[in-house]
Each structure stands twice: as structure tokens, then as C-alpha cells.
Amino acid sequence: MNDSFSTKDLAKMAMCLAVISVSSYIAFPLPFTPAMVVATTAATCLTAFVLTPKQTFLTLVAYLILGGVAGLPILPGGMGGLGRLLGPTGGFYFGWVVAFTLVSVFKGKKIDFKRYSIVGIVISLPVVYIGGLISMILVLNISLQAAIVQAVLPFIFGDVVKCLLAAFLGVRLNKALENG
């Protein structure tokens, strides 16, 4: 089995990493939670629709290494550093790696908006929210109920919309890449 990536694969991975990094600057805080509303969710979901599972995993791990370990200001809100990965919202970031790798696995071979939408919503949201809940509970020392109020409830509607947007863009982009 060939484990190397083509130049086209590497270019797609680099572009996805760039889109994720830039999207992290589109964020706004909510007054009652350390979590922010971020465009990064849509960008990571789009990445899962465009890349293979292995490419998705490596791209998202590279994002966490660059933003968390190297400290580049590419994590949500234009921040970076280990404190972000180990803080109350760090679980969301690790959740993205797991969730969107799984989305990439289950998106199927056929380019299909309905399937992309369902897989994006049904797989990614619970996995990402579980990651966010774990980090909020552990770091903030709050109850599960308080964590749900801070890490899940305010974000459900927007995250569903972001998954739908990513599915729409993923279909368009994959069709363009297929024809190009």
C-alpha cells in the first residue's frame, strides 16, 4: 500500500489548513461561556468532505500542533499556545480531530449534499460536544448540567447551519475538483 501523498493531495491539505486557520479569526465570544461562536467548525467540516480520512486527520493534527504547540495565533479567536489546548475549550479542538476524521470516513464515495449534511450533523456534533463537555467539566470544575449550558445548548443551531454550509460547499468543491 502506498502511504505517500501526491502533490495535489498535499496542496489540498495545505489549502484546508489555511482555510481552517483563517476561519478561526471569525469568532465572537458569548458572555456566559469561555467557548466562542467560531467559523472554524464549518472549515473543519468542509475539510472532512474534501479530504480522505487520513488527510483530514493529519491536517487537523497539524492545525493543533501549529496553533497549540508552536503557539501560532490560528486557534479560535486568533489565539495560540498550549493554554488554549489545555484550557476549558481544549476539548472542542481535540474533538474536531476525532469528529471530522469520522465524518470523512462516513461521508461515502458519492458526492451528495444530503449524506454530507446528515453525516456532518449526526457524527460531528455529538463528538465535538463530548470533547467540549469533558474539558469544561475538568478545567472549570463545573457540573455536567452547567457544562451543557455553556458548551452545547448555545451552539446547536449555529453548528447545524455550519454543517449544512460545509456540506453545500463540499459538494460544490468536490464536483469542481472532480471536473478539474
C-alpha atoms as a PDB file:
ATOM      1  CA  MET A   1       0.000   0.000   0.000  1.00  0.00           C
ATOM      2  CA  ASN A   2       1.340   3.414  -0.973  1.00  0.00           C
ATOM      3  CA  ASP A   3       1.293   5.814   2.001  1.00  0.00           C
ATOM      4  CA  SER A   4       2.680   8.820   0.157  1.00  0.00           C
ATOM      5  CA  PHE A   5       0.624  11.799  -0.902  1.00  0.00           C
ATOM      6  CA  SER A   6       0.583  13.316  -4.361  1.00  0.00           C
ATOM      7  CA  THR A   7       1.372  16.971  -4.916  1.00  0.00           C
ATOM      8  CA  LYS A   8      -2.356  17.533  -5.470  1.00  0.00           C
ATOM      9  CA  ASP A   9      -3.159  15.836  -2.135  1.00  0.00           C
ATOM     10  CA  LEU A  10      -0.601  17.964  -0.290  1.00  0.00           C
ATOM     11  CA  ALA A  11      -1.920  21.122  -1.946  1.00  0.00           C
ATOM     12  CA  LYS A  12      -5.496  20.257  -0.899  1.00  0.00           C
ATOM     13  CA  MET A  13      -4.328  19.566   2.665  1.00  0.00           C
ATOM     14  CA  ALA A  14      -2.393  22.848   2.786  1.00  0.00           C
ATOM     15  CA  MET A  15      -5.378  24.782   1.453  1.00  0.00           C
ATOM     16  CA  CYS A  16      -7.667  23.181   4.021  1.00  0.00           C
ATOM     17  CA  LEU A  17      -5.190  24.010   6.787  1.00  0.00           C
ATOM     18  CA  ALA A  18      -5.077  27.620   5.560  1.00  0.00           C
ATOM     19  CA  VAL A  19      -8.884  27.879   5.422  1.00  0.00           C
ATOM     20  CA  ILE A  20      -9.199  26.438   8.939  1.00  0.00           C
ATOM     21  CA  SER A  21      -6.534  28.824  10.244  1.00  0.00           C
ATOM     22  CA  VAL A  22      -8.115  31.902   8.670  1.00  0.00           C
ATOM     23  CA  SER A  23     -11.612  30.849   9.759  1.00  0.00           C
ATOM     24  CA  SER A  24     -10.505  30.921  13.379  1.00  0.00           C
ATOM     25  CA  TYR A  25     -10.425  34.712  13.161  1.00  0.00           C
ATOM     26  CA  ILE A  26     -14.166  34.706  12.500  1.00  0.00           C
ATOM     27  CA  ALA A  27     -15.235  34.277  16.104  1.00  0.00           C
ATOM     28  CA  PHE A  28     -17.188  36.089  18.742  1.00  0.00           C
ATOM     29  CA  PRO A  29     -17.447  35.421  22.453  1.00  0.00           C
ATOM     30  CA  LEU A  30     -20.608  34.775  24.413  1.00  0.00           C
ATOM     31  CA  PRO A  31     -20.824  36.423  27.849  1.00  0.00           C
ATOM     32  CA  PHE A  32     -21.745  33.304  29.830  1.00  0.00           C
ATOM     33  CA  THR A  33     -19.199  30.788  28.500  1.00  0.00           C
ATOM     34  CA  PRO A  34     -15.496  30.574  27.665  1.00  0.00           C
ATOM     35  CA  ALA A  35     -16.473  28.952  24.341  1.00  0.00           C
ATOM     36  CA  MET A  36     -16.887  31.180  21.297  1.00  0.00           C
ATOM     37  CA  VAL A  37     -19.044  31.012  18.227  1.00  0.00           C
ATOM     38  CA  VAL A  38     -16.480  30.184  15.532  1.00  0.00           C
ATOM     39  CA  ALA A  39     -16.399  29.670  11.788  1.00  0.00           C
ATOM     40  CA  THR A  40     -13.734  27.020  12.350  1.00  0.00           C
ATOM     41  CA  THR A  41     -16.448  24.406  12.794  1.00  0.00           C
ATOM     42  CA  ALA A  42     -17.592  24.935   9.196  1.00  0.00           C
ATOM     43  CA  ALA A  43     -13.999  24.884   7.910  1.00  0.00           C
ATOM     44  CA  THR A  44     -13.101  21.657   9.722  1.00  0.00           C
ATOM     45  CA  CYS A  45     -16.311  20.040   8.450  1.00  0.00           C
ATOM     46  CA  LEU A  46     -15.543  21.189   4.905  1.00  0.00           C
ATOM     47  CA  THR A  47     -12.081  19.671   5.282  1.00  0.00           C
ATOM     48  CA  ALA A  48     -13.661  16.311   6.125  1.00  0.00           C
ATOM     49  CA  PHE A  49     -15.799  16.471   2.984  1.00  0.00           C
ATOM     50  CA  VAL A  50     -12.890  17.353   0.691  1.00  0.00           C
ATOM     51  CA  LEU A  51     -10.080  15.165   2.067  1.00  0.00           C
ATOM     52  CA  THR A  52      -9.693  11.462   2.773  1.00  0.00           C
ATOM     53  CA  PRO A  53      -9.880  10.353   6.423  1.00  0.00           C
ATOM     54  CA  LYS A  54      -6.085  10.090   6.714  1.00  0.00           C
ATOM     55  CA  GLN A  55      -5.591  13.507   5.099  1.00  0.00           C
ATOM     56  CA  THR A  56      -8.272  15.012   7.348  1.00  0.00           C
ATOM     57  CA  PHE A  57      -6.652  13.562  10.464  1.00  0.00           C
ATOM     58  CA  LEU A  58      -3.167  14.776   9.523  1.00  0.00           C
ATOM     59  CA  THR A  59      -4.418  18.237   8.550  1.00  0.00           C
ATOM     60  CA  LEU A  60      -6.269  18.699  11.843  1.00  0.00           C
ATOM     61  CA  VAL A  61      -3.346  17.372  13.890  1.00  0.00           C
ATOM     62  CA  ALA A  62      -1.059  19.804  12.039  1.00  0.00           C
ATOM     63  CA  TYR A  63      -3.515  22.593  12.922  1.00  0.00           C
ATOM     64  CA  LEU A  64      -3.343  21.697  16.634  1.00  0.00           C
ATOM     65  CA  ILE A  65       0.444  21.398  16.560  1.00  0.00           C
ATOM     66  CA  LEU A  66       0.860  24.760  14.826  1.00  0.00           C
ATOM     67  CA  GLY A  67      -1.715  26.547  16.968  1.00  0.00           C
ATOM     68  CA  GLY A  68      -1.246  24.786  20.286  1.00  0.00           C
ATOM     69  CA  VAL A  69       2.342  23.586  20.458  1.00  0.00           C
ATOM     70  CA  ALA A  70       4.059  26.131  18.196  1.00  0.00           C
ATOM     71  CA  GLY A  71       1.767  28.865  19.505  1.00  0.00           C
ATOM     72  CA  LEU A  72       0.781  30.377  16.166  1.00  0.00           C
ATOM     73  CA  PRO A  73      -2.317  32.563  16.575  1.00  0.00           C
ATOM     74  CA  ILE A  74      -4.536  30.296  14.474  1.00  0.00           C
ATOM     75  CA  LEU A  75      -6.815  28.804  17.116  1.00  0.00           C
ATOM     76  CA  PRO A  76     -10.303  30.308  17.531  1.00  0.00           C
ATOM     77  CA  GLY A  77     -10.225  33.994  18.284  1.00  0.00           C
ATOM     78  CA  GLY A  78      -6.779  34.329  16.708  1.00  0.00           C
ATOM     79  CA  MET A  79      -5.068  32.791  19.723  1.00  0.00           C
ATOM     80  CA  GLY A  80      -2.446  30.108  20.157  1.00  0.00           C
ATOM     81  CA  GLY A  81      -0.467  28.211  22.747  1.00  0.00           C
ATOM     82  CA  LEU A  82      -0.741  25.147  24.943  1.00  0.00           C
ATOM     83  CA  GLY A  83      -3.003  27.037  27.327  1.00  0.00           C
ATOM     84  CA  ARG A  84      -5.692  27.006  24.642  1.00  0.00           C
ATOM     85  CA  LEU A  85      -5.384  23.242  24.157  1.00  0.00           C
ATOM     86  CA  LEU A  86      -5.369  22.550  27.892  1.00  0.00           C
ATOM     87  CA  GLY A  87      -7.972  25.187  28.801  1.00  0.00           C
ATOM     88  CA  PRO A  88     -11.742  24.947  29.148  1.00  0.00           C
ATOM     89  CA  THR A  89     -12.293  24.864  25.372  1.00  0.00           C
ATOM     90  CA  GLY A  90      -9.438  22.498  24.506  1.00  0.00           C
ATOM     91  CA  GLY A  91     -11.765  19.529  24.340  1.00  0.00           C
ATOM     92  CA  PHE A  92     -13.532  21.069  21.372  1.00  0.00           C
ATOM     93  CA  TYR A  93     -10.248  21.223  19.437  1.00  0.00           C
ATOM     94  CA  PHE A  94      -9.360  17.606  20.154  1.00  0.00           C
ATOM     95  CA  GLY A  95     -12.963  16.709  19.407  1.00  0.00           C
ATOM     96  CA  TRP A  96     -12.586  18.235  15.935  1.00  0.00           C
ATOM     97  CA  VAL A  97      -9.771  15.795  15.131  1.00  0.00           C
ATOM     98  CA  VAL A  98     -11.845  12.765  16.101  1.00  0.00           C
ATOM     99  CA  ALA A  99     -15.198  14.034  14.823  1.00  0.00           C
ATOM    100  CA  PHE A 100     -14.137  15.229  11.417  1.00  0.00           C
ATOM    101  CA  THR A 101     -11.907  12.229  10.754  1.00  0.00           C
ATOM    102  CA  LEU A 102     -15.022  10.123  11.396  1.00  0.00           C
ATOM    103  CA  VAL A 103     -17.101  12.396   9.164  1.00  0.00           C
ATOM    104  CA  SER A 104     -14.550  11.843   6.406  1.00  0.00           C
ATOM    105  CA  VAL A 105     -14.775   8.082   6.931  1.00  0.00           C
ATOM    106  CA  PHE A 106     -18.575   8.014   6.737  1.00  0.00           C
ATOM    107  CA  LYS A 107     -19.198  10.645   4.029  1.00  0.00           C
ATOM    108  CA  GLY A 108     -19.184   7.925   1.379  1.00  0.00           C
ATOM    109  CA  LYS A 109     -17.746   7.917  -2.120  1.00  0.00           C
ATOM    110  CA  LYS A 110     -20.671   9.636  -3.804  1.00  0.00           C
ATOM    111  CA  ILE A 111     -20.761  13.441  -3.709  1.00  0.00           C
ATOM    112  CA  ASP A 112     -24.123  14.010  -2.051  1.00  0.00           C
ATOM    113  CA  PHE A 113     -25.441  17.030  -0.122  1.00  0.00           C
ATOM    114  CA  LYS A 114     -27.998  15.043   1.878  1.00  0.00           C
ATOM    115  CA  ARG A 115     -25.471  12.422   3.001  1.00  0.00           C
ATOM    116  CA  TYR A 116     -22.819  15.049   3.777  1.00  0.00           C
ATOM    117  CA  SER A 117     -25.359  17.015   5.830  1.00  0.00           C
ATOM    118  CA  ILE A 118     -26.574  14.032   7.835  1.00  0.00           C
ATOM    119  CA  VAL A 119     -23.085  12.667   8.480  1.00  0.00           C
ATOM    120  CA  GLY A 120     -21.776  16.117   9.407  1.00  0.00           C
ATOM    121  CA  ILE A 121     -24.557  16.747  11.908  1.00  0.00           C
ATOM    122  CA  VAL A 122     -25.108  13.263  13.359  1.00  0.00           C
ATOM    123  CA  ILE A 123     -21.439  12.360  13.780  1.00  0.00           C
ATOM    124  CA  SER A 124     -19.560  15.596  14.355  1.00  0.00           C
ATOM    125  CA  LEU A 125     -21.813  17.463  16.758  1.00  0.00           C
ATOM    126  CA  PRO A 126     -22.056  14.786  19.482  1.00  0.00           C
ATOM    127  CA  VAL A 127     -18.320  14.004  19.306  1.00  0.00           C
ATOM    128  CA  VAL A 128     -17.258  17.659  19.413  1.00  0.00           C
ATOM    129  CA  TYR A 129     -19.713  18.436  22.220  1.00  0.00           C
ATOM    130  CA  ILE A 130     -18.480  15.488  24.277  1.00  0.00           C
ATOM    131  CA  GLY A 131     -14.928  16.828  23.936  1.00  0.00           C
ATOM    132  CA  GLY A 132     -16.061  20.306  24.965  1.00  0.00           C
ATOM    133  CA  LEU A 133     -18.060  18.955  27.901  1.00  0.00           C
ATOM    134  CA  ILE A 134     -15.098  16.961  29.192  1.00  0.00           C
ATOM    135  CA  SER A 135     -12.706  19.914  29.104  1.00  0.00           C
ATOM    136  CA  MET A 136     -15.223  22.331  30.643  1.00  0.00           C
ATOM    137  CA  ILE A 137     -16.075  19.933  33.469  1.00  0.00           C
ATOM    138  CA  LEU A 138     -12.427  19.143  34.223  1.00  0.00           C
ATOM    139  CA  VAL A 139     -10.934  22.627  33.848  1.00  0.00           C
ATOM    140  CA  LEU A 140     -13.764  24.724  35.268  1.00  0.00           C
ATOM    141  CA  ASN A 141     -14.800  22.125  37.867  1.00  0.00           C
ATOM    142  CA  ILE A 142     -18.483  22.510  36.970  1.00  0.00           C
ATOM    143  CA  SER A 143     -21.374  20.060  36.845  1.00  0.00           C
ATOM    144  CA  LEU A 144     -22.498  18.269  33.709  1.00  0.00           C
ATOM    145  CA  GLN A 145     -25.619  20.427  33.635  1.00  0.00           C
ATOM    146  CA  ALA A 146     -23.605  23.651  33.834  1.00  0.00           C
ATOM    147  CA  ALA A 147     -21.264  22.366  31.136  1.00  0.00           C
ATOM    148  CA  ILE A 148     -24.197  21.554  28.841  1.00  0.00           C
ATOM    149  CA  VAL A 149     -25.483  25.107  29.276  1.00  0.00           C
ATOM    150  CA  GLN A 150     -22.045  26.551  28.451  1.00  0.00           C
ATOM    151  CA  ALA A 151     -20.697  24.080  25.865  1.00  0.00           C
ATOM    152  CA  VAL A 152     -23.686  22.685  23.985  1.00  0.00           C
ATOM    153  CA  LEU A 153     -27.039  24.470  24.126  1.00  0.00           C
ATOM    154  CA  PRO A 154     -25.954  27.885  22.803  1.00  0.00           C
ATOM    155  CA  PHE A 155     -24.204  26.295  19.819  1.00  0.00           C
ATOM    156  CA  ILE A 156     -26.549  23.614  18.445  1.00  0.00           C
ATOM    157  CA  PHE A 157     -28.484  25.723  15.937  1.00  0.00           C
ATOM    158  CA  GLY A 158     -25.392  27.511  14.609  1.00  0.00           C
ATOM    159  CA  ASP A 159     -23.405  24.291  14.341  1.00  0.00           C
ATOM    160  CA  VAL A 160     -26.192  22.635  12.364  1.00  0.00           C
ATOM    161  CA  VAL A 161     -26.166  25.617   9.986  1.00  0.00           C
ATOM    162  CA  LYS A 162     -22.360  25.395   9.698  1.00  0.00           C
ATOM    163  CA  CYS A 163     -22.571  21.673   8.860  1.00  0.00           C
ATOM    164  CA  LEU A 164     -25.154  22.437   6.159  1.00  0.00           C
ATOM    165  CA  LEU A 165     -22.954  25.212   4.755  1.00  0.00           C
ATOM    166  CA  ALA A 166     -19.929  22.897   4.767  1.00  0.00           C
ATOM    167  CA  ALA A 167     -21.962  20.185   3.005  1.00  0.00           C
ATOM    168  CA  PHE A 168     -23.088  22.656   0.340  1.00  0.00           C
ATOM    169  CA  LEU A 169     -19.543  23.940  -0.216  1.00  0.00           C
ATOM    170  CA  GLY A 170     -18.124  20.414  -0.046  1.00  0.00           C
ATOM    171  CA  VAL A 171     -20.409  19.232  -2.838  1.00  0.00           C
ATOM    172  CA  ARG A 172     -19.501  22.239  -4.994  1.00  0.00           C
ATOM    173  CA  LEU A 173     -15.784  21.943  -4.324  1.00  0.00           C
ATOM    174  CA  ASN A 174     -15.656  18.175  -4.875  1.00  0.00           C
ATOM    175  CA  LYS A 175     -17.523  18.497  -8.167  1.00  0.00           C
ATOM    176  CA  ALA A 176     -15.117  21.224  -9.262  1.00  0.00           C
ATOM    177  CA  LEU A 177     -12.102  19.117  -8.246  1.00  0.00           C
ATOM    178  CA  GLU A 178     -13.593  16.073  -9.974  1.00  0.00           C
ATOM    179  CA  ASN A 179     -14.002  18.038 -13.228  1.00  0.00           C
ATOM    180  CA  GLY A 180     -10.708  19.894 -12.926  1.00  0.00           C
END
